[in-house]
Amino acid sequence: MLMGASIVSVAWIAFWPWAQLKRLREIEGSTAAGADAESTPSP
Protein backbone atom coordinates (compact mmCIF):
# COMPACT_ATOMS: atom_id res chain seq x y z
CA MET A 1 0.00 0.00 0.00
CA LEU A 2 2.87 2.36 0.76
CA MET A 3 4.43 1.67 -2.62
CA GLY A 4 1.14 2.44 -4.38
CA ALA A 5 0.82 5.71 -2.50
CA SER A 6 4.35 6.74 -3.47
CA ILE A 7 3.71 5.89 -7.13
CA VAL A 8 0.53 7.98 -7.10
CA SER A 9 2.40 10.82 -5.41
CA VAL A 10 5.16 10.84 -8.02
CA ALA A 11 2.59 10.62 -10.83
CA TRP A 12 0.67 13.57 -9.34
CA ILE A 13 3.82 15.68 -9.04
CA ALA A 14 4.63 14.91 -12.69
CA PHE A 15 1.05 15.45 -13.94
CA TRP A 16 0.02 18.62 -12.09
CA PRO A 17 2.46 21.10 -13.73
CA TRP A 18 1.52 19.86 -17.21
CA ALA A 19 -2.18 20.32 -16.47
CA GLN A 20 -1.55 23.86 -15.19
CA LEU A 21 0.59 24.68 -18.23
CA LYS A 22 -2.14 23.49 -20.59
CA ARG A 23 -4.71 25.60 -18.73
CA LEU A 24 -2.43 28.64 -18.83
CA ARG A 25 -1.93 28.27 -22.59
CA GLU A 26 -5.70 28.05 -23.12
CA ILE A 27 -6.22 31.22 -21.07
CA GLU A 28 -3.44 33.05 -22.93
CA GLY A 29 -4.84 31.91 -26.27
CA SER A 30 -8.32 33.15 -25.48
CA THR A 31 -7.07 36.51 -24.20
CA ALA A 32 -4.82 36.93 -27.23
CA ALA A 33 -7.72 36.15 -29.56
CA GLY A 34 -9.90 38.65 -27.68
CA ALA A 35 -7.21 41.33 -27.88
CA ASP A 36 -6.83 40.76 -31.64
CA ALA A 37 -10.59 41.07 -32.12
CA GLU A 38 -10.66 44.31 -30.12
CA SER A 39 -7.72 45.89 -31.98
CA THR A 40 -9.19 45.32 -35.46
CA PRO A 41 -11.63 48.06 -36.47
CA SER A 42 -15.11 46.90 -37.32
CA PRO A 43 -16.67 48.18 -40.55
PDB file of N, CA and C in Angstrom:
ATOM      1  N   MET A   1       0.825  -1.190   0.000  1.00  0.00           N
ATOM      2  CA  MET A   1       0.000   0.000   0.000  1.00  0.00           C
ATOM      3  C   MET A   1       0.876   1.263   0.000  1.00  0.00           C
ATOM      4  N   LEU A   2       1.965   1.216   0.724  1.00  0.00           N
ATOM      5  CA  LEU A   2       2.867   2.364   0.762  1.00  0.00           C
ATOM      6  C   LEU A   2       3.496   2.605  -0.604  1.00  0.00           C
ATOM      7  N   MET A   3       3.828   1.525  -1.295  1.00  0.00           N
ATOM      8  CA  MET A   3       4.427   1.668  -2.620  1.00  0.00           C
ATOM      9  C   MET A   3       3.421   2.283  -3.606  1.00  0.00           C
ATOM     10  N   GLY A   4       2.172   1.869  -3.513  1.00  0.00           N
ATOM     11  CA  GLY A   4       1.138   2.440  -4.380  1.00  0.00           C
ATOM     12  C   GLY A   4       0.947   3.923  -4.117  1.00  0.00           C
ATOM     13  N   ALA A   5       0.974   4.300  -2.841  1.00  0.00           N
ATOM     14  CA  ALA A   5       0.823   5.711  -2.499  1.00  0.00           C
ATOM     15  C   ALA A   5       1.993   6.534  -3.029  1.00  0.00           C
ATOM     16  N   SER A   6       3.196   5.996  -2.971  1.00  0.00           N
ATOM     17  CA  SER A   6       4.352   6.740  -3.468  1.00  0.00           C
ATOM     18  C   SER A   6       4.306   6.860  -4.990  1.00  0.00           C
ATOM     19  N   ILE A   7       3.831   5.834  -5.667  1.00  0.00           N
ATOM     20  CA  ILE A   7       3.708   5.893  -7.129  1.00  0.00           C
ATOM     21  C   ILE A   7       2.679   6.957  -7.519  1.00  0.00           C
ATOM     22  N   VAL A   8       1.561   6.977  -6.815  1.00  0.00           N
ATOM     23  CA  VAL A   8       0.530   7.979  -7.097  1.00  0.00           C
ATOM     24  C   VAL A   8       1.066   9.379  -6.818  1.00  0.00           C
ATOM     25  N   SER A   9       1.831   9.517  -5.755  1.00  0.00           N
ATOM     26  CA  SER A   9       2.396  10.821  -5.408  1.00  0.00           C
ATOM     27  C   SER A   9       3.341  11.320  -6.489  1.00  0.00           C
ATOM     28  N   VAL A  10       4.216  10.455  -6.957  1.00  0.00           N
ATOM     29  CA  VAL A  10       5.157  10.842  -8.018  1.00  0.00           C
ATOM     30  C   VAL A  10       4.400  11.163  -9.303  1.00  0.00           C
ATOM     31  N   ALA A  11       3.382  10.367  -9.622  1.00  0.00           N
ATOM     32  CA  ALA A  11       2.594  10.621 -10.829  1.00  0.00           C
ATOM     33  C   ALA A  11       1.882  11.975 -10.719  1.00  0.00           C
ATOM     34  N   TRP A  12       1.367  12.295  -9.538  1.00  0.00           N
ATOM     35  CA  TRP A  12       0.674  13.572  -9.336  1.00  0.00           C
ATOM     36  C   TRP A  12       1.634  14.743  -9.501  1.00  0.00           C
ATOM     37  N   ILE A  13       2.828  14.611  -8.932  1.00  0.00           N
ATOM     38  CA  ILE A  13       3.824  15.683  -9.041  1.00  0.00           C
ATOM     39  C   ILE A  13       4.229  15.882 -10.502  1.00  0.00           C
ATOM     40  N   ALA A  14       4.275  14.810 -11.277  1.00  0.00           N
ATOM     41  CA  ALA A  14       4.632  14.914 -12.693  1.00  0.00           C
ATOM     42  C   ALA A  14       3.455  15.450 -13.519  1.00  0.00           C
ATOM     43  N   PHE A  15       2.224  15.094 -13.139  1.00  0.00           N
ATOM     44  CA  PHE A  15       1.052  15.453 -13.936  1.00  0.00           C
ATOM     45  C   PHE A  15       0.590  16.880 -13.690  1.00  0.00           C
ATOM     46  N   TRP A  16       0.613  17.337 -12.455  1.00  0.00           N
ATOM     47  CA  TRP A  16       0.021  18.625 -12.086  1.00  0.00           C
ATOM     48  C   TRP A  16       0.604  19.806 -12.850  1.00  0.00           C
ATOM     49  N   PRO A  17       1.939  19.951 -12.974  1.00  0.00           N
ATOM     50  CA  PRO A  17       2.463  21.099 -13.733  1.00  0.00           C
ATOM     51  C   PRO A  17       2.030  21.097 -15.197  1.00  0.00           C
ATOM     52  N   TRP A  18       1.938  19.914 -15.817  1.00  0.00           N
ATOM     53  CA  TRP A  18       1.518  19.859 -17.214  1.00  0.00           C
ATOM     54  C   TRP A  18       0.071  20.296 -17.370  1.00  0.00           C
ATOM     55  N   ALA A  19      -0.775  19.914 -16.414  1.00  0.00           N
ATOM     56  CA  ALA A  19      -2.183  20.324 -16.466  1.00  0.00           C
ATOM     57  C   ALA A  19      -2.297  21.839 -16.302  1.00  0.00           C
ATOM     58  N   GLN A  20      -1.519  22.407 -15.395  1.00  0.00           N
ATOM     59  CA  GLN A  20      -1.546  23.856 -15.194  1.00  0.00           C
ATOM     60  C   GLN A  20      -1.012  24.588 -16.424  1.00  0.00           C
ATOM     61  N   LEU A  21       0.022  24.053 -17.036  1.00  0.00           N
ATOM     62  CA  LEU A  21       0.590  24.680 -18.226  1.00  0.00           C
ATOM     63  C   LEU A  21      -0.414  24.677 -19.368  1.00  0.00           C
ATOM     64  N   LYS A  22      -1.131  23.563 -19.538  1.00  0.00           N
ATOM     65  CA  LYS A  22      -2.138  23.490 -20.585  1.00  0.00           C
ATOM     66  C   LYS A  22      -3.249  24.517 -20.340  1.00  0.00           C
ATOM     67  N   ARG A  23      -3.672  24.635 -19.077  1.00  0.00           N
ATOM     68  CA  ARG A  23      -4.708  25.598 -18.731  1.00  0.00           C
ATOM     69  C   ARG A  23      -4.236  27.028 -18.973  1.00  0.00           C
ATOM     70  N   LEU A  24      -2.990  27.310 -18.621  1.00  0.00           N
ATOM     71  CA  LEU A  24      -2.430  28.643 -18.832  1.00  0.00           C
ATOM     72  C   LEU A  24      -2.377  28.980 -20.318  1.00  0.00           C
ATOM     73  N   ARG A  25      -1.984  28.023 -21.137  1.00  0.00           N
ATOM     74  CA  ARG A  25      -1.934  28.274 -22.589  1.00  0.00           C
ATOM     75  C   ARG A  25      -3.318  28.530 -23.150  1.00  0.00           C
ATOM     76  N   GLU A  26      -4.341  27.810 -22.650  1.00  0.00           N
ATOM     77  CA  GLU A  26      -5.701  28.052 -23.116  1.00  0.00           C
ATOM     78  C   GLU A  26      -6.155  29.457 -22.740  1.00  0.00           C
ATOM     79  N   ILE A  27      -5.835  29.878 -21.521  1.00  0.00           N
ATOM     80  CA  ILE A  27      -6.221  31.222 -21.070  1.00  0.00           C
ATOM     81  C   ILE A  27      -5.493  32.281 -21.899  1.00  0.00           C
ATOM     82  N   GLU A  28      -4.201  32.091 -22.132  1.00  0.00           N
ATOM     83  CA  GLU A  28      -3.445  33.054 -22.927  1.00  0.00           C
ATOM     84  C   GLU A  28      -3.961  33.101 -24.361  1.00  0.00           C
ATOM     85  N   GLY A  29      -4.317  31.950 -24.916  1.00  0.00           N
ATOM     86  CA  GLY A  29      -4.845  31.907 -26.274  1.00  0.00           C
ATOM     87  C   GLY A  29      -6.163  32.644 -26.391  1.00  0.00           C
ATOM     88  N   SER A  30      -7.026  32.470 -25.415  1.00  0.00           N
ATOM     89  CA  SER A  30      -8.321  33.147 -25.479  1.00  0.00           C
ATOM     90  C   SER A  30      -8.166  34.646 -25.271  1.00  0.00           C
ATOM     91  N   THR A  31      -7.267  35.068 -24.401  1.00  0.00           N
ATOM     92  CA  THR A  31      -7.074  36.510 -24.203  1.00  0.00           C
ATOM     93  C   THR A  31      -6.385  37.128 -25.416  1.00  0.00           C
ATOM     94  N   ALA A  32      -5.476  36.405 -26.038  1.00  0.00           N
ATOM     95  CA  ALA A  32      -4.816  36.930 -27.229  1.00  0.00           C
ATOM     96  C   ALA A  32      -5.817  37.054 -28.373  1.00  0.00           C
ATOM     97  N   ALA A  33      -6.702  36.088 -28.513  1.00  0.00           N
ATOM     98  CA  ALA A  33      -7.723  36.153 -29.558  1.00  0.00           C
ATOM     99  C   ALA A  33      -8.688  37.305 -29.287  1.00  0.00           C
ATOM    100  N   GLY A  34      -9.022  37.534 -28.037  1.00  0.00           N
ATOM    101  CA  GLY A  34      -9.903  38.649 -27.685  1.00  0.00           C
ATOM    102  C   GLY A  34      -9.231  39.981 -27.940  1.00  0.00           C
ATOM    103  N   ALA A  35      -7.939  40.087 -27.657  1.00  0.00           N
ATOM    104  CA  ALA A  35      -7.210  41.332 -27.883  1.00  0.00           C
ATOM    105  C   ALA A  35      -7.099  41.612 -29.382  1.00  0.00           C
ATOM    106  N   ASP A  36      -6.903  40.573 -30.195  1.00  0.00           N
ATOM    107  CA  ASP A  36      -6.833  40.759 -31.636  1.00  0.00           C
ATOM    108  C   ASP A  36      -8.182  41.236 -32.173  1.00  0.00           C
ATOM    109  N   ALA A  37      -9.255  40.672 -31.659  1.00  0.00           N
ATOM    110  CA  ALA A  37     -10.592  41.067 -32.124  1.00  0.00           C
ATOM    111  C   ALA A  37     -10.883  42.522 -31.728  1.00  0.00           C
ATOM    112  N   GLU A  38     -10.409  42.937 -30.569  1.00  0.00           N
ATOM    113  CA  GLU A  38     -10.659  44.309 -30.125  1.00  0.00           C
ATOM    114  C   GLU A  38      -9.813  45.318 -30.898  1.00  0.00           C
ATOM    115  N   SER A  39      -8.612  44.943 -31.329  1.00  0.00           N
ATOM    116  CA  SER A  39      -7.715  45.886 -31.982  1.00  0.00           C
ATOM    117  C   SER A  39      -8.080  46.091 -33.451  1.00  0.00           C
ATOM    118  N   THR A  40      -8.806  45.149 -34.056  1.00  0.00           N
ATOM    119  CA  THR A  40      -9.188  45.316 -35.456  1.00  0.00           C
ATOM    120  C   THR A  40     -10.446  46.177 -35.536  1.00  0.00           C
ATOM    121  N   PRO A  41     -10.428  47.196 -36.360  1.00  0.00           N
ATOM    122  CA  PRO A  41     -11.630  48.057 -36.469  1.00  0.00           C
ATOM    123  C   PRO A  41     -12.764  47.342 -37.164  1.00  0.00           C
ATOM    124  N   SER A  42     -13.957  47.532 -36.674  1.00  0.00           N
ATOM    125  CA  SER A  42     -15.115  46.903 -37.317  1.00  0.00           C
ATOM    126  C   SER A  42     -15.689  47.861 -38.359  1.00  0.00           C
ATOM    127  N   PRO A  43     -16.168  47.323 -39.453  1.00  0.00           N
ATOM    128  CA  PRO A  43     -16.665  48.180 -40.554  1.00  0.00           C
ATOM    129  C   PRO A  43     -17.949  48.891 -40.243  1.00  0.00           C
TER     130      PRO A  43
END
